[in-house]
């Protein structure tokens, strides 16, 4: 069933709603575990009595969320002299850049 956007907009105006189309290439919704990606989205911003809501349709895919960037790993490597594998492993384990640096430095001191 195909819905006519113009008909929806006309009906919404009669009910006191203001609809605005928002042009976009991609919408990314980030959760703790993953990212929901909507490609070629059709986005409508609806304002009804001061309350803004968004309606988004498009091609939905999911991807695993990157916890840490290459820049984060490189910083740990530079600060500790660790190789990439060790830096990434400890960062994943600790979940915190500063904590990972301290842990690697402490391990190297005790060797």
PDB file of N, CA and C in Angstrom:
ATOM      1  N   UNK A   1       0.841  -1.182   0.000  1.00  0.00           N
ATOM      2  CA  UNK A   1       0.000   0.000   0.000  1.00  0.00           C
ATOM      3  C   UNK A   1       0.882   1.240   0.000  1.00  0.00           C
ATOM      4  N   UNK A   2       0.727   2.056  -1.007  1.00  0.00           N
ATOM      5  CA  UNK A   2       1.532   3.266  -1.119  1.00  0.00           C
ATOM      6  C   UNK A   2       0.737   4.459  -0.602  1.00  0.00           C
ATOM      7  N   UNK A   3       1.388   5.236   0.263  1.00  0.00           N
ATOM      8  CA  UNK A   3       0.736   6.388   0.878  1.00  0.00           C
ATOM      9  C   UNK A   3       1.207   7.653   0.173  1.00  0.00           C
ATOM     10  N   UNK A   4       0.270   8.512  -0.155  1.00  0.00           N
ATOM     11  CA  UNK A   4       0.577   9.762  -0.827  1.00  0.00           C
ATOM     12  C   UNK A   4       1.028  10.791   0.210  1.00  0.00           C
ATOM     13  N   UNK A   5       2.311  11.199   0.167  1.00  0.00           N
ATOM     14  CA  UNK A   5       2.817  12.160   1.156  1.00  0.00           C
ATOM     15  C   UNK A   5       2.050  13.480   1.160  1.00  0.00           C
ATOM     16  N   UNK A   6       1.597  13.932  -0.004  1.00  0.00           N
ATOM     17  CA  UNK A   6       0.855  15.199  -0.091  1.00  0.00           C
ATOM     18  C   UNK A   6      -0.488  15.089   0.631  1.00  0.00           C
ATOM     19  N   UNK A   7      -1.157  13.930   0.499  1.00  0.00           N
ATOM     20  CA  UNK A   7      -2.444  13.727   1.169  1.00  0.00           C
ATOM     21  C   UNK A   7      -2.254  13.715   2.686  1.00  0.00           C
ATOM     22  N   UNK A   8      -1.185  13.082   3.138  1.00  0.00           N
ATOM     23  CA  UNK A   8      -0.891  13.045   4.577  1.00  0.00           C
ATOM     24  C   UNK A   8      -0.628  14.451   5.092  1.00  0.00           C
ATOM     25  N   UNK A   9       0.139  15.221   4.336  1.00  0.00           N
ATOM     26  CA  UNK A   9       0.465  16.588   4.747  1.00  0.00           C
ATOM     27  C   UNK A   9      -0.804  17.439   4.836  1.00  0.00           C
ATOM     28  N   UNK A  10      -1.699  17.298   3.865  1.00  0.00           N
ATOM     29  CA  UNK A  10      -2.951  18.055   3.853  1.00  0.00           C
ATOM     30  C   UNK A  10      -3.815  17.686   5.064  1.00  0.00           C
ATOM     31  N   UNK A  11      -3.910  16.404   5.348  1.00  0.00           N
ATOM     32  CA  UNK A  11      -4.694  15.932   6.481  1.00  0.00           C
ATOM     33  C   UNK A  11      -4.080  16.427   7.800  1.00  0.00           C
ATOM     34  N   UNK A  12      -2.764  16.402   7.888  1.00  0.00           N
ATOM     35  CA  UNK A  12      -2.070  16.842   9.098  1.00  0.00           C
ATOM     36  C   UNK A  12      -2.305  18.321   9.355  1.00  0.00           C
ATOM     37  N   UNK A  13      -2.294  19.135   8.300  1.00  0.00           N
ATOM     38  CA  UNK A  13      -2.538  20.578   8.460  1.00  0.00           C
ATOM     39  C   UNK A  13      -3.939  20.845   9.008  1.00  0.00           C
ATOM     40  N   UNK A  14      -4.903  20.052   8.549  1.00  0.00           N
ATOM     41  CA  UNK A  14      -6.275  20.200   9.039  1.00  0.00           C
ATOM     42  C   UNK A  14      -6.362  19.904  10.535  1.00  0.00           C
ATOM     43  N   UNK A  15      -5.482  19.041  11.027  1.00  0.00           N
ATOM     44  CA  UNK A  15      -5.479  18.662  12.439  1.00  0.00           C
ATOM     45  C   UNK A  15      -4.559  19.567  13.273  1.00  0.00           C
ATOM     46  N   UNK A  16      -4.005  20.623  12.667  1.00  0.00           N
ATOM     47  CA  UNK A  16      -3.153  21.553  13.396  1.00  0.00           C
ATOM     48  C   UNK A  16      -1.702  21.120  13.476  1.00  0.00           C
ATOM     49  N   UNK A  17      -1.325  20.199  12.633  1.00  0.00           N
ATOM     50  CA  UNK A  17       0.050  19.718  12.624  1.00  0.00           C
ATOM     51  C   UNK A  17       0.829  20.403  11.509  1.00  0.00           C
ATOM     52  N   UNK A  18       2.092  20.688  11.784  1.00  0.00           N
ATOM     53  CA  UNK A  18       2.972  21.241  10.760  1.00  0.00           C
ATOM     54  C   UNK A  18       3.985  20.174  10.386  1.00  0.00           C
ATOM     55  N   UNK A  19       4.074  19.858   9.108  1.00  0.00           N
ATOM     56  CA  UNK A  19       5.034  18.849   8.653  1.00  0.00           C
ATOM     57  C   UNK A  19       6.082  19.512   7.776  1.00  0.00           C
ATOM     58  N   UNK A  20       7.329  19.120   7.996  1.00  0.00           N
ATOM     59  CA  UNK A  20       8.444  19.625   7.205  1.00  0.00           C
ATOM     60  C   UNK A  20       9.262  18.434   6.725  1.00  0.00           C
ATOM     61  N   UNK A  21       9.581  18.426   5.444  1.00  0.00           N
ATOM     62  CA  UNK A  21      10.445  17.379   4.890  1.00  0.00           C
ATOM     63  C   UNK A  21      11.890  17.765   5.150  1.00  0.00           C
ATOM     64  N   UNK A  22      12.702  16.799   5.547  1.00  0.00           N
ATOM     65  CA  UNK A  22      14.113  17.045   5.820  1.00  0.00           C
ATOM     66  C   UNK A  22      14.938  16.202   4.851  1.00  0.00           C
ATOM     67  N   UNK A  23      15.704  16.856   3.972  1.00  0.00           N
ATOM     68  CA  UNK A  23      16.539  16.089   3.044  1.00  0.00           C
ATOM     69  C   UNK A  23      17.757  15.512   3.771  1.00  0.00           C
ATOM     70  N   UNK A  24      18.039  14.239   3.531  1.00  0.00           N
ATOM     71  CA  UNK A  24      19.190  13.598   4.164  1.00  0.00           C
ATOM     72  C   UNK A  24      19.660  12.439   3.311  1.00  0.00           C
ATOM     73  N   UNK A  25      20.916  12.083   3.465  1.00  0.00           N
ATOM     74  CA  UNK A  25      21.501  10.940   2.753  1.00  0.00           C
ATOM     75  C   UNK A  25      21.422   9.672   3.593  1.00  0.00           C
ATOM     76  N   UNK A  26      21.532   9.852   4.931  1.00  0.00           N
ATOM     77  CA  UNK A  26      21.610   8.695   5.811  1.00  0.00           C
ATOM     78  C   UNK A  26      21.215   9.123   7.224  1.00  0.00           C
ATOM     79  N   UNK A  27      20.573   8.212   7.942  1.00  0.00           N
ATOM     80  CA  UNK A  27      20.242   8.425   9.348  1.00  0.00           C
ATOM     81  C   UNK A  27      20.895   7.292  10.133  1.00  0.00           C
ATOM     82  N   UNK A  28      21.593   7.623  11.216  1.00  0.00           N
ATOM     83  CA  UNK A  28      22.241   6.608  12.043  1.00  0.00           C
ATOM     84  C   UNK A  28      21.700   6.740  13.465  1.00  0.00           C
ATOM     85  N   UNK A  29      21.163   5.635  13.975  1.00  0.00           N
ATOM     86  CA  UNK A  29      20.680   5.583  15.352  1.00  0.00           C
ATOM     87  C   UNK A  29      21.670   4.715  16.117  1.00  0.00           C
ATOM     88  N   UNK A  30      22.308   5.282  17.120  1.00  0.00           N
ATOM     89  CA  UNK A  30      23.333   4.567  17.868  1.00  0.00           C
ATOM     90  C   UNK A  30      22.756   4.041  19.172  1.00  0.00           C
ATOM     91  N   UNK A  31      22.882   2.735  19.370  1.00  0.00           N
ATOM     92  CA  UNK A  31      22.501   2.127  20.639  1.00  0.00           C
ATOM     93  C   UNK A  31      23.783   1.658  21.311  1.00  0.00           C
ATOM     94  N   UNK A  32      23.672   1.050  22.480  1.00  0.00           N
ATOM     95  CA  UNK A  32      24.872   0.574  23.166  1.00  0.00           C
ATOM     96  C   UNK A  32      25.553  -0.549  22.398  1.00  0.00           C
ATOM     97  N   UNK A  33      24.777  -1.398  21.733  1.00  0.00           N
ATOM     98  CA  UNK A  33      25.348  -2.577  21.083  1.00  0.00           C
ATOM     99  C   UNK A  33      25.571  -2.434  19.582  1.00  0.00           C
ATOM    100  N   UNK A  34      24.758  -1.610  18.911  1.00  0.00           N
ATOM    101  CA  UNK A  34      24.823  -1.562  17.450  1.00  0.00           C
ATOM    102  C   UNK A  34      24.407  -0.193  16.935  1.00  0.00           C
ATOM    103  N   UNK A  35      24.524  -0.037  15.621  1.00  0.00           N
ATOM    104  CA  UNK A  35      24.056   1.167  14.951  1.00  0.00           C
ATOM    105  C   UNK A  35      23.009   0.750  13.931  1.00  0.00           C
ATOM    106  N   UNK A  36      21.882   1.430  13.933  1.00  0.00           N
ATOM    107  CA  UNK A  36      20.840   1.192  12.949  1.00  0.00           C
ATOM    108  C   UNK A  36      21.012   2.271  11.892  1.00  0.00           C
ATOM    109  N   UNK A  37      21.239   1.845  10.639  1.00  0.00           N
ATOM    110  CA  UNK A  37      21.513   2.770   9.553  1.00  0.00           C
ATOM    111  C   UNK A  37      20.337   2.759   8.585  1.00  0.00           C
ATOM    112  N   UNK A  38      19.832   3.946   8.266  1.00  0.00           N
ATOM    113  CA  UNK A  38      18.731   4.076   7.312  1.00  0.00           C
ATOM    114  C   UNK A  38      19.257   4.864   6.121  1.00  0.00           C
ATOM    115  N   UNK A  39      19.400   4.170   4.994  1.00  0.00           N
ATOM    116  CA  UNK A  39      19.926   4.794   3.775  1.00  0.00           C
ATOM    117  C   UNK A  39      18.771   5.341   2.940  1.00  0.00           C
ATOM    118  N   UNK A  40      19.048   6.389   2.177  1.00  0.00           N
ATOM    119  CA  UNK A  40      18.048   7.053   1.347  1.00  0.00           C
ATOM    120  C   UNK A  40      16.757   7.297   2.125  1.00  0.00           C
ATOM    121  N   UNK A  41      16.855   7.977   3.268  1.00  0.00           N
ATOM    122  CA  UNK A  41      15.670   8.145   4.109  1.00  0.00           C
ATOM    123  C   UNK A  41      14.702   9.202   3.588  1.00  0.00           C
ATOM    124  N   UNK A  42      13.460   9.004   3.917  1.00  0.00           N
ATOM    125  CA  UNK A  42      12.421  10.017   3.722  1.00  0.00           C
ATOM    126  C   UNK A  42      12.069  10.446   5.143  1.00  0.00           C
ATOM    127  N   UNK A  43      12.376  11.696   5.485  1.00  0.00           N
ATOM    128  CA  UNK A  43      12.214  12.165   6.864  1.00  0.00           C
ATOM    129  C   UNK A  43      11.182  13.284   6.909  1.00  0.00           C
ATOM    130  N   UNK A  44      10.212  13.123   7.801  1.00  0.00           N
ATOM    131  CA  UNK A  44       9.220  14.162   8.040  1.00  0.00           C
ATOM    132  C   UNK A  44       9.331  14.598   9.490  1.00  0.00           C
ATOM    133  N   UNK A  45       9.462  15.903   9.688  1.00  0.00           N
ATOM    134  CA  UNK A  45       9.445  16.461  11.045  1.00  0.00           C
ATOM    135  C   UNK A  45       8.038  16.989  11.270  1.00  0.00           C
ATOM    136  N   UNK A  46       7.417  16.507  12.329  1.00  0.00           N
ATOM    137  CA  UNK A  46       6.036  16.882  12.624  1.00  0.00           C
ATOM    138  C   UNK A  46       6.017  17.691  13.911  1.00  0.00           C
ATOM    139  N   UNK A  47       5.385  18.866  13.856  1.00  0.00           N
ATOM    140  CA  UNK A  47       5.234  19.707  15.041  1.00  0.00           C
ATOM    141  C   UNK A  47       3.756  19.799  15.347  1.00  0.00           C
ATOM    142  N   UNK A  48       3.374  19.263  16.501  1.00  0.00           N
ATOM    143  CA  UNK A  48       1.975  19.337  16.916  1.00  0.00           C
ATOM    144  C   UNK A  48       1.930  19.893  18.322  1.00  0.00           C
ATOM    145  N   UNK A  49       1.389  21.099  18.428  1.00  0.00           N
ATOM    146  CA  UNK A  49       1.267  21.782  19.717  1.00  0.00           C
ATOM    147  C   UNK A  49       2.610  21.879  20.432  1.00  0.00           C
ATOM    148  N   UNK A  50       3.672  22.216  19.704  1.00  0.00           N
ATOM    149  CA  UNK A  50       4.990  22.422  20.286  1.00  0.00           C
ATOM    150  C   UNK A  50       5.807  21.158  20.479  1.00  0.00           C
ATOM    151  N   UNK A  51       5.221  19.999  20.240  1.00  0.00           N
ATOM    152  CA  UNK A  51       5.935  18.721  20.388  1.00  0.00           C
ATOM    153  C   UNK A  51       6.453  18.282  19.018  1.00  0.00           C
ATOM    154  N   UNK A  52       7.778  18.145  18.888  1.00  0.00           N
ATOM    155  CA  UNK A  52       8.368  17.727  17.615  1.00  0.00           C
ATOM    156  C   UNK A  52       8.614  16.223  17.611  1.00  0.00           C
ATOM    157  N   UNK A  53       8.198  15.591  16.522  1.00  0.00           N
ATOM    158  CA  UNK A  53       8.486  14.173  16.320  1.00  0.00           C
ATOM    159  C   UNK A  53       9.001  14.004  14.901  1.00  0.00           C
ATOM    160  N   UNK A  54       9.704  12.890  14.669  1.00  0.00           N
ATOM    161  CA  UNK A  54      10.254  12.608  13.360  1.00  0.00           C
ATOM    162  C   UNK A  54       9.750  11.255  12.881  1.00  0.00           C
ATOM    163  N   UNK A  55       9.390  11.218  11.616  1.00  0.00           N
ATOM    164  CA  UNK A  55       8.994   9.958  10.984  1.00  0.00           C
ATOM    165  C   UNK A  55      10.042   9.673   9.914  1.00  0.00           C
ATOM    166  N   UNK A  56      10.642   8.484   9.991  1.00  0.00           N
ATOM    167  CA  UNK A  56      11.721   8.135   9.080  1.00  0.00           C
ATOM    168  C   UNK A  56      11.408   6.806   8.412  1.00  0.00           C
ATOM    169  N   UNK A  57      11.484   6.784   7.093  1.00  0.00           N
ATOM    170  CA  UNK A  57      11.360   5.537   6.344  1.00  0.00           C
ATOM    171  C   UNK A  57      12.550   5.437   5.409  1.00  0.00           C
ATOM    172  N   UNK A  58      12.915   4.232   5.033  1.00  0.00           N
ATOM    173  CA  UNK A  58      14.042   4.031   4.125  1.00  0.00           C
ATOM    174  C   UNK A  58      14.575   2.619   4.244  1.00  0.00           C
ATOM    175  N   UNK A  59      15.725   2.388   3.634  1.00  0.00           N
ATOM    176  CA  UNK A  59      16.374   1.075   3.624  1.00  0.00           C
ATOM    177  C   UNK A  59      17.156   0.897   4.930  1.00  0.00           C
ATOM    178  N   UNK A  60      16.684  -0.014   5.787  1.00  0.00           N
ATOM    179  CA  UNK A  60      17.261  -0.194   7.122  1.00  0.00           C
ATOM    180  C   UNK A  60      18.271  -1.343   7.139  1.00  0.00           C
ATOM    181  N   UNK A  61      19.446  -1.063   7.694  1.00  0.00           N
ATOM    182  CA  UNK A  61      20.458  -2.095   7.927  1.00  0.00           C
ATOM    183  C   UNK A  61      21.023  -1.868   9.331  1.00  0.00           C
ATOM    184  N   UNK A  62      21.699  -2.877   9.833  1.00  0.00           N
ATOM    185  CA  UNK A  62      22.344  -2.750  11.137  1.00  0.00           C
ATOM    186  C   UNK A  62      23.821  -3.054  10.996  1.00  0.00           C
ATOM    187  N   UNK A  63      24.619  -2.411  11.832  1.00  0.00           N
ATOM    188  CA  UNK A  63      26.045  -2.711  11.850  1.00  0.00           C
ATOM    189  C   UNK A  63      26.516  -2.675  13.295  1.00  0.00           C
ATOM    190  N   UNK A  64      27.549  -3.459  13.538  1.00  0.00           N
ATOM    191  CA  UNK A  64      28.117  -3.498  14.887  1.00  0.00           C
ATOM    192  C   UNK A  64      28.774  -2.162  15.162  1.00  0.00           C
ATOM    193  N   UNK A  65      28.553  -1.673  16.348  1.00  0.00           N
ATOM    194  CA  UNK A  65      29.089  -0.374  16.732  1.00  0.00           C
ATOM    195  C   UNK A  65      30.575  -0.475  17.020  1.00  0.00           C
ATOM    196  N   UNK A  66      31.340   0.459  16.453  1.00  0.00           N
ATOM    197  CA  UNK A  66      32.770   0.519  16.745  1.00  0.00           C
ATOM    198  C   UNK A  66      32.937   1.154  18.115  1.00  0.00           C
ATOM    199  N   UNK A  67      33.595   0.415  18.999  1.00  0.00           N
ATOM    200  CA  UNK A  67      33.781   0.960  20.343  1.00  0.00           C
ATOM    201  C   UNK A  67      34.904   1.982  20.379  1.00  0.00           C
ATOM    202  N   UNK A  68      35.982   1.682  19.680  1.00  0.00           N
ATOM    203  CA  UNK A  68      37.136   2.572  19.731  1.00  0.00           C
ATOM    204  C   UNK A  68      37.678   2.782  18.328  1.00  0.00           C
ATOM    205  N   UNK A  69      38.219   3.939  18.081  1.00  0.00           N
ATOM    206  CA  UNK A  69      38.746   4.269  16.761  1.00  0.00           C
ATOM    207  C   UNK A  69      40.225   3.891  16.663  1.00  0.00           C
ATOM    208  N   UNK A  70      40.723   3.923  15.459  1.00  0.00           N
ATOM    209  CA  UNK A  70      42.153   3.691  15.223  1.00  0.00           C
ATOM    210  C   UNK A  70      42.989   4.754  15.945  1.00  0.00           C
ATOM    211  N   UNK A  71      42.431   5.956  16.024  1.00  0.00           N
ATOM    212  CA  UNK A  71      43.124   7.054  16.705  1.00  0.00           C
ATOM    213  C   UNK A  71      43.318   6.718  18.195  1.00  0.00           C
ATOM    214  N   UNK A  72      42.288   6.122  18.814  1.00  0.00           N
ATOM    215  CA  UNK A  72      42.380   5.729  20.225  1.00  0.00           C
ATOM    216  C   UNK A  72      43.481   4.685  20.414  1.00  0.00           C
ATOM    217  N   UNK A  73      43.495   3.694  19.553  1.00  0.00           N
ATOM    218  CA  UNK A  73      44.484   2.614  19.635  1.00  0.00           C
ATOM    219  C   UNK A  73      45.886   3.170  19.398  1.00  0.00           C
ATOM    220  N   UNK A  74      46.010   4.052  18.424  1.00  0.00           N
ATOM    221  CA  UNK A  74      47.313   4.674  18.113  1.00  0.00           C
ATOM    222  C   UNK A  74      47.814   5.473  19.313  1.00  0.00           C
ATOM    223  N   UNK A  75      46.918   6.175  20.011  1.00  0.00           N
ATOM    224  CA  UNK A  75      47.325   6.959  21.179  1.00  0.00           C
ATOM    225  C   UNK A  75      47.897   6.044  22.258  1.00  0.00           C
ATOM    226  N   UNK A  76      47.239   4.918  22.487  1.00  0.00           N
ATOM    227  CA  UNK A  76      47.727   3.965  23.485  1.00  0.00           C
ATOM    228  C   UNK A  76      49.086   3.425  23.070  1.00  0.00           C
ATOM    229  N   UNK A  77      49.246   3.108  21.799  1.00  0.00           N
ATOM    230  CA  UNK A  77      50.528   2.600  21.297  1.00  0.00           C
ATOM    231  C   UNK A  77      51.625   3.630  21.507  1.00  0.00           C
ATOM    232  N   UNK A  78      51.325   4.889  21.184  1.00  0.00           N
ATOM    233  CA  UNK A  78      52.320   5.966  21.324  1.00  0.00           C
ATOM    234  C   UNK A  78      52.702   6.195  22.786  1.00  0.00           C
ATOM    235  N   UNK A  79      51.742   6.108  23.683  1.00  0.00           N
ATOM    236  CA  UNK A  79      51.990   6.377  25.098  1.00  0.00           C
ATOM    237  C   UNK A  79      52.690   5.232  25.824  1.00  0.00           C
ATOM    238  N   UNK A  80      52.521   3.999  25.301  1.00  0.00           N
ATOM    239  CA  UNK A  80      53.017   2.835  26.047  1.00  0.00           C
ATOM    240  C   UNK A  80      54.080   2.018  25.325  1.00  0.00           C
ATOM    241  N   UNK A  81      54.197   2.207  24.021  1.00  0.00           N
ATOM    242  CA  UNK A  81      55.121   1.380  23.253  1.00  0.00           C
ATOM    243  C   UNK A  81      54.549   0.004  22.942  1.00  0.00           C
ATOM    244  N   UNK A  82      53.274  -0.211  23.246  1.00  0.00           N
ATOM    245  CA  UNK A  82      52.631  -1.501  22.962  1.00  0.00           C
ATOM    246  C   UNK A  82      52.378  -1.638  21.468  1.00  0.00           C
ATOM    247  N   UNK A  83      52.286  -2.885  21.001  1.00  0.00           N
ATOM    248  CA  UNK A  83      51.923  -3.083  19.603  1.00  0.00           C
ATOM    249  C   UNK A  83      50.406  -2.937  19.464  1.00  0.00           C
ATOM    250  N   UNK A  84      49.940  -2.898  18.231  1.00  0.00           N
ATOM    251  CA  UNK A  84      48.518  -2.645  17.962  1.00  0.00           C
ATOM    252  C   UNK A  84      47.610  -3.698  18.601  1.00  0.00           C
ATOM    253  N   UNK A  85      48.000  -4.950  18.500  1.00  0.00           N
ATOM    254  CA  UNK A  85      47.189  -6.040  19.048  1.00  0.00           C
ATOM    255  C   UNK A  85      47.019  -5.896  20.564  1.00  0.00           C
ATOM    256  N   UNK A  86      48.130  -5.635  21.254  1.00  0.00           N
ATOM    257  CA  UNK A  86      48.073  -5.488  22.709  1.00  0.00           C
ATOM    258  C   UNK A  86      47.248  -4.267  23.102  1.00  0.00           C
ATOM    259  N   UNK A  87      47.457  -3.157  22.406  1.00  0.00           N
ATOM    260  CA  UNK A  87      46.728  -1.928  22.716  1.00  0.00           C
ATOM    261  C   UNK A  87      45.223  -2.137  22.544  1.00  0.00           C
ATOM    262  N   UNK A  88      44.822  -2.775  21.453  1.00  0.00           N
ATOM    263  CA  UNK A  88      43.407  -3.018  21.189  1.00  0.00           C
ATOM    264  C   UNK A  88      42.816  -3.993  22.211  1.00  0.00           C
ATOM    265  N   UNK A  89      43.575  -5.019  22.553  1.00  0.00           N
ATOM    266  CA  UNK A  89      43.109  -6.025  23.515  1.00  0.00           C
ATOM    267  C   UNK A  89      42.856  -5.405  24.888  1.00  0.00           C
ATOM    268  N   UNK A  90      43.811  -4.621  25.371  1.00  0.00           N
ATOM    269  CA  UNK A  90      43.673  -4.010  26.695  1.00  0.00           C
ATOM    270  C   UNK A  90      42.582  -2.934  26.677  1.00  0.00           C
ATOM    271  N   UNK A  91      42.464  -2.201  25.597  1.00  0.00           N
ATOM    272  CA  UNK A  91      41.417  -1.187  25.487  1.00  0.00           C
ATOM    273  C   UNK A  91      40.033  -1.830  25.504  1.00  0.00           C
ATOM    274  N   UNK A  92      39.880  -2.936  24.806  1.00  0.00           N
ATOM    275  CA  UNK A  92      38.608  -3.662  24.809  1.00  0.00           C
ATOM    276  C   UNK A  92      38.296  -4.196  26.200  1.00  0.00           C
ATOM    277  N   UNK A  93      39.323  -4.687  26.861  1.00  0.00           N
ATOM    278  CA  UNK A  93      39.173  -5.244  28.213  1.00  0.00           C
ATOM    279  C   UNK A  93      38.774  -4.172  29.230  1.00  0.00           C
ATOM    280  N   UNK A  94      39.437  -3.022  29.185  1.00  0.00           N
ATOM    281  CA  UNK A  94      39.196  -1.978  30.182  1.00  0.00           C
ATOM    282  C   UNK A  94      38.039  -1.060  29.797  1.00  0.00           C
ATOM    283  N   UNK A  95      37.870  -0.838  28.509  1.00  0.00           N
ATOM    284  CA  UNK A  95      36.805   0.052  28.052  1.00  0.00           C
ATOM    285  C   UNK A  95      37.116   1.526  28.221  1.00  0.00           C
ATOM    286  N   UNK A  96      38.371   1.847  28.565  1.00  0.00           N
ATOM    287  CA  UNK A  96      38.746   3.235  28.824  1.00  0.00           C
ATOM    288  C   UNK A  96      40.189   3.467  28.376  1.00  0.00           C
ATOM    289  N   UNK A  97      40.427   4.515  27.616  1.00  0.00           N
ATOM    290  CA  UNK A  97      41.757   4.791  27.065  1.00  0.00           C
ATOM    291  C   UNK A  97      42.794   5.017  28.172  1.00  0.00           C
ATOM    292  N   UNK A  98      42.471   5.891  29.118  1.00  0.00           N
ATOM    293  CA  UNK A  98      43.428   6.199  30.198  1.00  0.00           C
ATOM    294  C   UNK A  98      43.729   4.959  31.028  1.00  0.00           C
ATOM    295  N   UNK A  99      42.709   4.188  31.331  1.00  0.00           N
ATOM    296  CA  UNK A  99      42.908   2.972  32.120  1.00  0.00           C
ATOM    297  C   UNK A  99      43.769   1.964  31.360  1.00  0.00           C
ATOM    298  N   UNK A 100      43.552   1.872  30.041  1.00  0.00           N
ATOM    299  CA  UNK A 100      44.347   0.959  29.229  1.00  0.00           C
ATOM    300  C   UNK A 100      45.816   1.374  29.236  1.00  0.00           C
ATOM    301  N   UNK A 101      46.088   2.664  29.125  1.00  0.00           N
ATOM    302  CA  UNK A 101      47.467   3.169  29.145  1.00  0.00           C
ATOM    303  C   UNK A 101      48.132   2.830  30.485  1.00  0.00           C
ATOM    304  N   UNK A 102      47.422   3.110  31.568  1.00  0.00           N
ATOM    305  CA  UNK A 102      47.981   2.826  32.902  1.00  0.00           C
ATOM    306  C   UNK A 102      48.242   1.331  33.093  1.00  0.00           C
ATOM    307  N   UNK A 103      47.327   0.501  32.638  1.00  0.00           N
ATOM    308  CA  UNK A 103      47.479  -0.949  32.800  1.00  0.00           C
ATOM    309  C   UNK A 103      48.688  -1.465  32.023  1.00  0.00           C
ATOM    310  N   UNK A 104      48.833  -1.020  30.784  1.00  0.00           N
ATOM    311  CA  UNK A 104      49.973  -1.479  29.971  1.00  0.00           C
ATOM    312  C   UNK A 104      51.282  -0.999  30.579  1.00  0.00           C
ATOM    313  N   UNK A 105      51.325   0.262  31.019  1.00  0.00           N
ATOM    314  CA  UNK A 105      52.544   0.788  31.645  1.00  0.00           C
ATOM    315  C   UNK A 105      52.894   0.006  32.904  1.00  0.00           C
ATOM    316  N   UNK A 106      51.896  -0.314  33.697  1.00  0.00           N
ATOM    317  CA  UNK A 106      52.134  -1.065  34.928  1.00  0.00           C
ATOM    318  C   UNK A 106      52.659  -2.465  34.609  1.00  0.00           C
ATOM    319  N   UNK A 107      52.077  -3.106  33.590  1.00  0.00           N
ATOM    320  CA  UNK A 107      52.535  -4.444  33.190  1.00  0.00           C
ATOM    321  C   UNK A 107      53.977  -4.385  32.697  1.00  0.00           C
ATOM    322  N   UNK A 108      54.337  -3.350  31.950  1.00  0.00           N
ATOM    323  CA  UNK A 108      55.699  -3.233  31.429  1.00  0.00           C
ATOM    324  C   UNK A 108      56.689  -2.963  32.559  1.00  0.00           C
ATOM    325  N   UNK A 109      56.276  -2.224  33.578  1.00  0.00           N
ATOM    326  CA  UNK A 109      57.165  -1.937  34.713  1.00  0.00           C
ATOM    327  C   UNK A 109      57.444  -3.205  35.518  1.00  0.00           C
ATOM    328  N   UNK A 110      56.469  -4.076  35.597  1.00  0.00           N
ATOM    329  CA  UNK A 110      56.636  -5.286  36.419  1.00  0.00           C
ATOM    330  C   UNK A 110      57.399  -6.389  35.679  1.00  0.00           C
ATOM    331  N   UNK A 111      57.707  -6.187  34.421  1.00  0.00           N
ATOM    332  CA  UNK A 111      58.429  -7.198  33.651  1.00  0.00           C
ATOM    333  C   UNK A 111      59.921  -7.072  33.837  1.00  0.00           C
TER     334      UNK A 111
END
